[in-house]
Amino acid sequence: MRIIAGTKRGMKLFSPEGMDTRPITDRVKESVFNILYSKGYLEGRIVADLFCGTGSMGLEALSRGAAWATFVDRDHRVVDMLKRNIQKADFVEQSKAVCANIFRVGAPPTPEHGFYDLVFVDPPYKMSESCESQTQVGKLMGLLVSQVRDSGMVILRTHERAVVEPAYGELVRVDQRSWGTMTVNFYCKGQPAGRPAVTEQQAELEHTGDDDEPQDV
């Protein structure tokens, strides 16, 4: 795993061995971030990375110009590894690691930055097979409605055959892409925000890299 573009381009991430993590490939991550860049959801944005694992998505966002990232995972071992990646990338002053039950806390707002512009949701693969409103993932999406700003974006990564809702309250799906056995769903609260749109091809040319209560920790 590595950061593929931005100020920390090429930096390798520490990855926990023998833990239940589901790393995203460089190709998929690059495609997702090209889409986000084209929609204006990176530079200066406030980001949350839920079920963060190595912190790959949040760190990539910071490398590409996000102003802040909150990382949340319930496994202390994962969070310890995440802290090493944050320190290695020198993003200690731009981030916060939270060890908590994500289904209870969602993306906890910070006193300094409040609600979020962009939230990555990457639940365990088996759990992501069903994301209907009454499921744990569906209820989490419902909670996030109150934790993202108007025009905020939530990225939900699921199993390719996952049952997902077209909307979770005010979060409405505006895009969906599939790669292999995974699908990435893009949900927006209200009207999309950001910069004038550019094409995904233009974004790729500009940004492609090389091949219970929360506890601060």
Protein backbone atom coordinates (compact mmCIF):
# COMPACT_ATOMS: atom_id res chain seq x y z
CA MET A 1 0.00 0.00 0.00
CA ARG A 2 1.19 3.49 -0.82
CA ILE A 3 0.11 7.07 -1.35
CA ILE A 4 -0.11 7.46 -5.11
CA ALA A 5 -0.28 11.21 -5.72
CA GLY A 6 0.16 14.62 -4.15
CA THR A 7 2.75 15.89 -1.69
CA LYS A 8 3.47 12.41 -0.27
CA ARG A 9 3.41 10.63 -3.61
CA GLY A 10 5.04 7.20 -3.51
CA MET A 11 5.19 6.92 0.30
CA LYS A 12 4.70 3.31 1.39
CA LEU A 13 2.24 2.64 4.21
CA PHE A 14 2.75 0.29 7.12
CA SER A 15 0.21 -2.53 6.80
CA PRO A 16 -0.89 -4.80 9.68
CA GLU A 17 -0.17 -8.46 9.06
CA GLY A 18 -2.80 -11.08 9.84
CA MET A 19 -5.57 -8.55 10.44
CA ASP A 20 -8.92 -8.37 8.69
CA THR A 21 -8.18 -5.45 6.37
CA ARG A 22 -9.29 -5.04 2.76
CA PRO A 23 -6.79 -2.82 0.95
CA ILE A 24 -7.91 -0.96 -2.14
CA THR A 25 -5.81 -1.27 -5.28
CA ASP A 26 -3.91 1.68 -6.71
CA ARG A 27 -6.02 1.57 -9.88
CA VAL A 28 -9.32 1.81 -8.03
CA LYS A 29 -8.07 4.42 -5.59
CA GLU A 30 -6.74 6.57 -8.43
CA SER A 31 -10.08 6.35 -10.26
CA VAL A 32 -12.04 7.30 -7.14
CA PHE A 33 -9.80 10.28 -6.43
CA ASN A 34 -9.95 11.45 -10.04
CA ILE A 35 -13.73 11.57 -9.71
CA LEU A 36 -13.53 13.42 -6.40
CA TYR A 37 -11.03 15.91 -7.80
CA SER A 38 -13.23 16.56 -10.82
CA LYS A 39 -16.14 17.34 -8.47
CA GLY A 40 -14.08 19.61 -6.19
CA TYR A 41 -14.06 17.41 -3.09
CA LEU A 42 -10.35 17.43 -2.18
CA GLU A 43 -8.52 20.74 -1.84
CA GLY A 44 -9.19 22.36 1.52
CA ARG A 45 -11.84 19.81 2.46
CA ILE A 46 -12.59 18.24 5.85
CA VAL A 47 -12.47 14.45 5.53
CA ALA A 48 -13.37 11.39 7.63
CA ASP A 49 -12.07 7.87 6.95
CA LEU A 50 -14.27 5.21 8.61
CA PHE A 51 -13.13 1.58 9.01
CA CYS A 52 -9.86 3.24 8.07
CA GLY A 53 -7.39 0.36 8.36
CA THR A 54 -4.01 1.72 7.22
CA GLY A 55 -5.59 5.12 6.63
CA SER A 56 -5.00 4.82 2.91
CA MET A 57 -7.98 6.92 1.78
CA GLY A 58 -7.69 9.68 4.36
CA LEU A 59 -3.93 9.99 3.89
CA GLU A 60 -4.36 10.09 0.13
CA ALA A 61 -6.86 12.93 0.58
CA LEU A 62 -4.43 14.86 2.78
CA SER A 63 -1.63 14.32 0.29
CA ARG A 64 -3.87 15.77 -2.42
CA GLY A 65 -4.72 18.92 -0.50
CA ALA A 66 -7.44 18.12 2.05
CA ALA A 67 -7.23 20.36 5.12
CA TRP A 68 -8.08 17.77 7.79
CA ALA A 69 -8.81 14.06 8.22
CA THR A 70 -10.41 12.17 11.10
CA PHE A 71 -9.65 8.44 11.10
CA VAL A 72 -11.95 6.00 12.92
CA ASP A 73 -11.50 2.28 13.59
CA ARG A 74 -12.53 0.08 16.52
CA ASP A 75 -9.40 -2.11 16.57
CA HIS A 76 -6.63 -0.70 18.79
CA ARG A 77 -4.00 -2.63 16.85
CA VAL A 78 -5.14 -1.05 13.60
CA VAL A 79 -5.16 2.41 15.13
CA ASP A 80 -1.63 1.91 16.46
CA MET A 81 -0.48 1.06 12.93
CA LEU A 82 -2.43 4.03 11.56
CA LYS A 83 -0.65 6.39 13.95
CA ARG A 84 2.68 5.22 12.52
CA ASN A 85 1.47 6.06 9.01
CA ILE A 86 0.23 9.49 10.11
CA GLN A 87 3.59 10.25 11.71
CA LYS A 88 5.54 8.95 8.72
CA ALA A 89 3.51 11.19 6.41
CA ASP A 90 3.95 14.16 8.77
CA PHE A 91 0.20 14.78 9.01
CA VAL A 92 -0.02 14.77 12.82
CA GLU A 93 -1.18 18.39 12.91
CA GLN A 94 -3.81 17.79 10.23
CA SER A 95 -5.47 14.67 11.57
CA LYS A 96 -7.01 12.85 14.50
CA ALA A 97 -7.19 9.10 15.20
CA VAL A 98 -10.28 7.85 17.03
CA CYS A 99 -10.75 4.34 18.42
CA ALA A 100 -14.49 3.74 18.70
CA ASN A 101 -17.50 1.74 17.60
CA ILE A 102 -18.16 3.36 14.23
CA PHE A 103 -21.81 2.29 14.20
CA ARG A 104 -22.32 4.38 17.35
CA VAL A 105 -20.22 7.46 16.60
CA GLY A 106 -20.16 7.67 12.80
CA ALA A 107 -17.87 10.50 11.76
CA PRO A 108 -17.51 12.42 15.03
CA PRO A 109 -17.35 16.18 14.38
CA THR A 110 -14.34 18.00 15.79
CA PRO A 111 -14.48 21.27 17.75
CA GLU A 112 -12.00 22.80 15.31
CA HIS A 113 -13.61 21.76 12.03
CA GLY A 114 -17.19 20.70 12.74
CA PHE A 115 -18.94 18.60 10.12
CA TYR A 116 -17.41 16.90 7.08
CA ASP A 117 -17.22 17.61 3.36
CA LEU A 118 -16.19 14.06 2.47
CA VAL A 119 -16.58 10.74 4.30
CA PHE A 120 -15.14 7.37 3.23
CA VAL A 121 -17.11 4.34 4.48
CA ASP A 122 -15.38 0.99 3.96
CA PRO A 123 -17.10 -1.64 6.16
CA PRO A 124 -15.92 -5.27 6.38
CA TYR A 125 -16.58 -6.98 3.06
CA LYS A 126 -19.08 -9.54 4.40
CA MET A 127 -21.03 -6.81 6.16
CA SER A 128 -21.15 -4.74 2.98
CA GLU A 129 -23.13 -7.37 1.09
CA SER A 130 -26.33 -5.86 2.47
CA CYS A 131 -26.63 -2.13 3.10
CA GLU A 132 -30.38 -1.71 3.26
CA SER A 133 -31.73 0.94 5.60
CA GLN A 134 -32.40 -1.46 8.49
CA THR A 135 -28.88 -2.98 8.44
CA GLN A 136 -25.94 -1.71 10.49
CA VAL A 137 -24.38 -0.09 7.44
CA GLY A 138 -27.71 1.43 6.41
CA LYS A 139 -28.22 2.92 9.87
CA LEU A 140 -24.66 4.27 9.79
CA MET A 141 -25.42 6.03 6.51
CA GLY A 142 -28.49 7.49 8.17
CA LEU A 143 -26.35 8.78 11.03
CA LEU A 144 -23.90 10.39 8.60
CA VAL A 145 -26.68 12.58 7.22
CA SER A 146 -26.34 14.70 10.36
CA GLN A 147 -22.53 14.71 10.26
CA VAL A 148 -21.82 15.92 6.74
CA ARG A 149 -22.30 19.45 5.52
CA ASP A 150 -24.80 20.46 2.88
CA SER A 151 -23.34 19.31 -0.45
CA GLY A 152 -21.13 16.85 1.45
CA MET A 153 -20.15 13.57 -0.20
CA VAL A 154 -20.15 10.06 1.32
CA ILE A 155 -18.25 7.28 -0.48
CA LEU A 156 -19.56 3.79 0.34
CA ARG A 157 -17.44 0.84 -0.81
CA THR A 158 -19.33 -2.45 -0.97
CA HIS A 159 -19.35 -5.96 -2.33
CA GLU A 160 -20.21 -5.99 -6.05
CA ARG A 161 -23.54 -7.72 -5.33
CA ALA A 162 -24.43 -5.49 -2.40
CA VAL A 163 -27.98 -4.30 -1.95
CA VAL A 164 -27.77 -0.54 -1.43
CA GLU A 165 -30.40 2.15 -1.20
CA PRO A 166 -30.68 4.88 -3.85
CA ALA A 167 -30.88 7.30 -0.92
CA TYR A 168 -30.36 7.32 2.85
CA GLY A 169 -32.46 10.26 3.92
CA GLU A 170 -30.85 13.36 2.41
CA LEU A 171 -27.88 11.37 1.10
CA VAL A 172 -28.74 10.58 -2.51
CA ARG A 173 -26.63 8.39 -4.76
CA VAL A 174 -25.20 10.45 -7.62
CA ASP A 175 -22.72 7.96 -9.07
CA GLN A 176 -21.76 4.29 -8.89
CA ARG A 177 -18.67 2.53 -10.26
CA SER A 178 -17.65 -1.15 -10.17
CA TRP A 179 -14.21 -2.72 -10.32
CA GLY A 180 -13.83 -6.49 -10.02
CA THR A 181 -15.67 -7.69 -6.93
CA MET A 182 -16.22 -4.22 -5.46
CA THR A 183 -18.57 -1.33 -6.09
CA VAL A 184 -18.03 2.28 -5.03
CA ASN A 185 -21.16 4.34 -4.41
CA PHE A 186 -21.09 8.15 -4.32
CA TYR A 187 -23.78 9.80 -2.16
CA CYS A 188 -24.32 13.56 -1.93
CA LYS A 189 -26.30 15.57 0.59
CA GLY A 190 -28.26 18.06 -1.49
CA GLN A 191 -26.64 19.66 -4.51
CA PRO A 192 -23.00 18.77 -5.28
CA ALA A 193 -20.57 21.46 -4.25
CA GLY A 194 -17.14 22.54 -5.29
CA ARG A 195 -15.38 23.71 -8.37
CA PRO A 196 -16.48 23.88 -11.98
CA ALA A 197 -16.55 20.33 -13.27
CA VAL A 198 -13.65 18.91 -15.23
CA THR A 199 -13.63 15.58 -16.96
CA GLU A 200 -12.22 12.49 -15.29
CA GLN A 201 -9.59 12.41 -18.06
CA GLN A 202 -8.48 15.95 -17.18
CA ALA A 203 -8.35 15.03 -13.50
CA GLU A 204 -6.21 12.02 -14.32
CA LEU A 205 -3.76 14.14 -16.30
CA GLU A 206 -3.40 16.57 -13.38
CA HIS A 207 -3.28 14.09 -10.50
CA THR A 208 -2.21 10.65 -11.67
CA GLY A 209 0.62 9.18 -9.61
CA ASP A 210 2.93 6.29 -10.34
CA ASP A 211 2.21 3.01 -11.00
CA ASP A 212 -19.06 3.48 22.58
CA GLU A 213 -17.67 7.01 23.27
CA PRO A 214 -14.81 7.77 21.00
CA GLN A 215 -11.33 7.82 22.51
CA ASP A 216 -8.52 9.93 21.07
CA VAL A 217 -5.39 7.83 20.75
